[in-house]
Amino acid sequence: AGLAAKDYVEAGNLVPDEIVIQMLQDRIALPDCENGYILDGFPRNLSQAKALDRMGIIIDMVIDIEVPDDAIMERLMGRRMCEKCGAGYHIAHKPSAKGDKCELCGGKLTTRKDDDPQVIQDRLRVYHEQTEPLKDYYHAAGKLAVVAGTGDIDAITKMVMTVLEA
């Protein structure tokens, strides 16, 4: 299921529900999940949320890290990755001291296929159409916490941890 998901992600598309749900079922069946787990980026739509409900999976809390679309565009379009070792950089926030080369191995820095501006805009459109309604779904269930996702990463992390520890 993971290999099938890769093609969708690289094209900037959401992975079909049945593939994601199978991946989730396989993963949470492993022993390290028996005392709990954190889902990141799932569910992505109401169908997936309702599938979790049908499976008897109880969601304790949903954290919505709010970031404006323009900040998302800037973050993603500035990402760079070493094609040799996979090290990550950002042209504004974590540039390589070696320009377009990796500081660790000297490999060429490239952009990810899913960081193309049109792909990002398509992903944002899909988010607003399919994922954003989950906020109302989980708010109605009393399980939604909203955290501002702009500014200092340490402050954002502290806010998320405060929500988790409550």
Foldseek 3Di string as FASTA:
>chain_A
DVVQQVVQVLLLHHDDLVVVVVVVVVVCVDPVDPVHDDDDPPPQFPVRVVVCVVVVNDDQADEAADDDLVVVLQAQLQWKAFPPPGDIAGPPPGAAPVHQAHPPPRGGIDHRSCSDNVSSVVNVVCSVVGRVVVQVVVVVVVRYDYFHNDDDPVVSVVVVVVVVVD
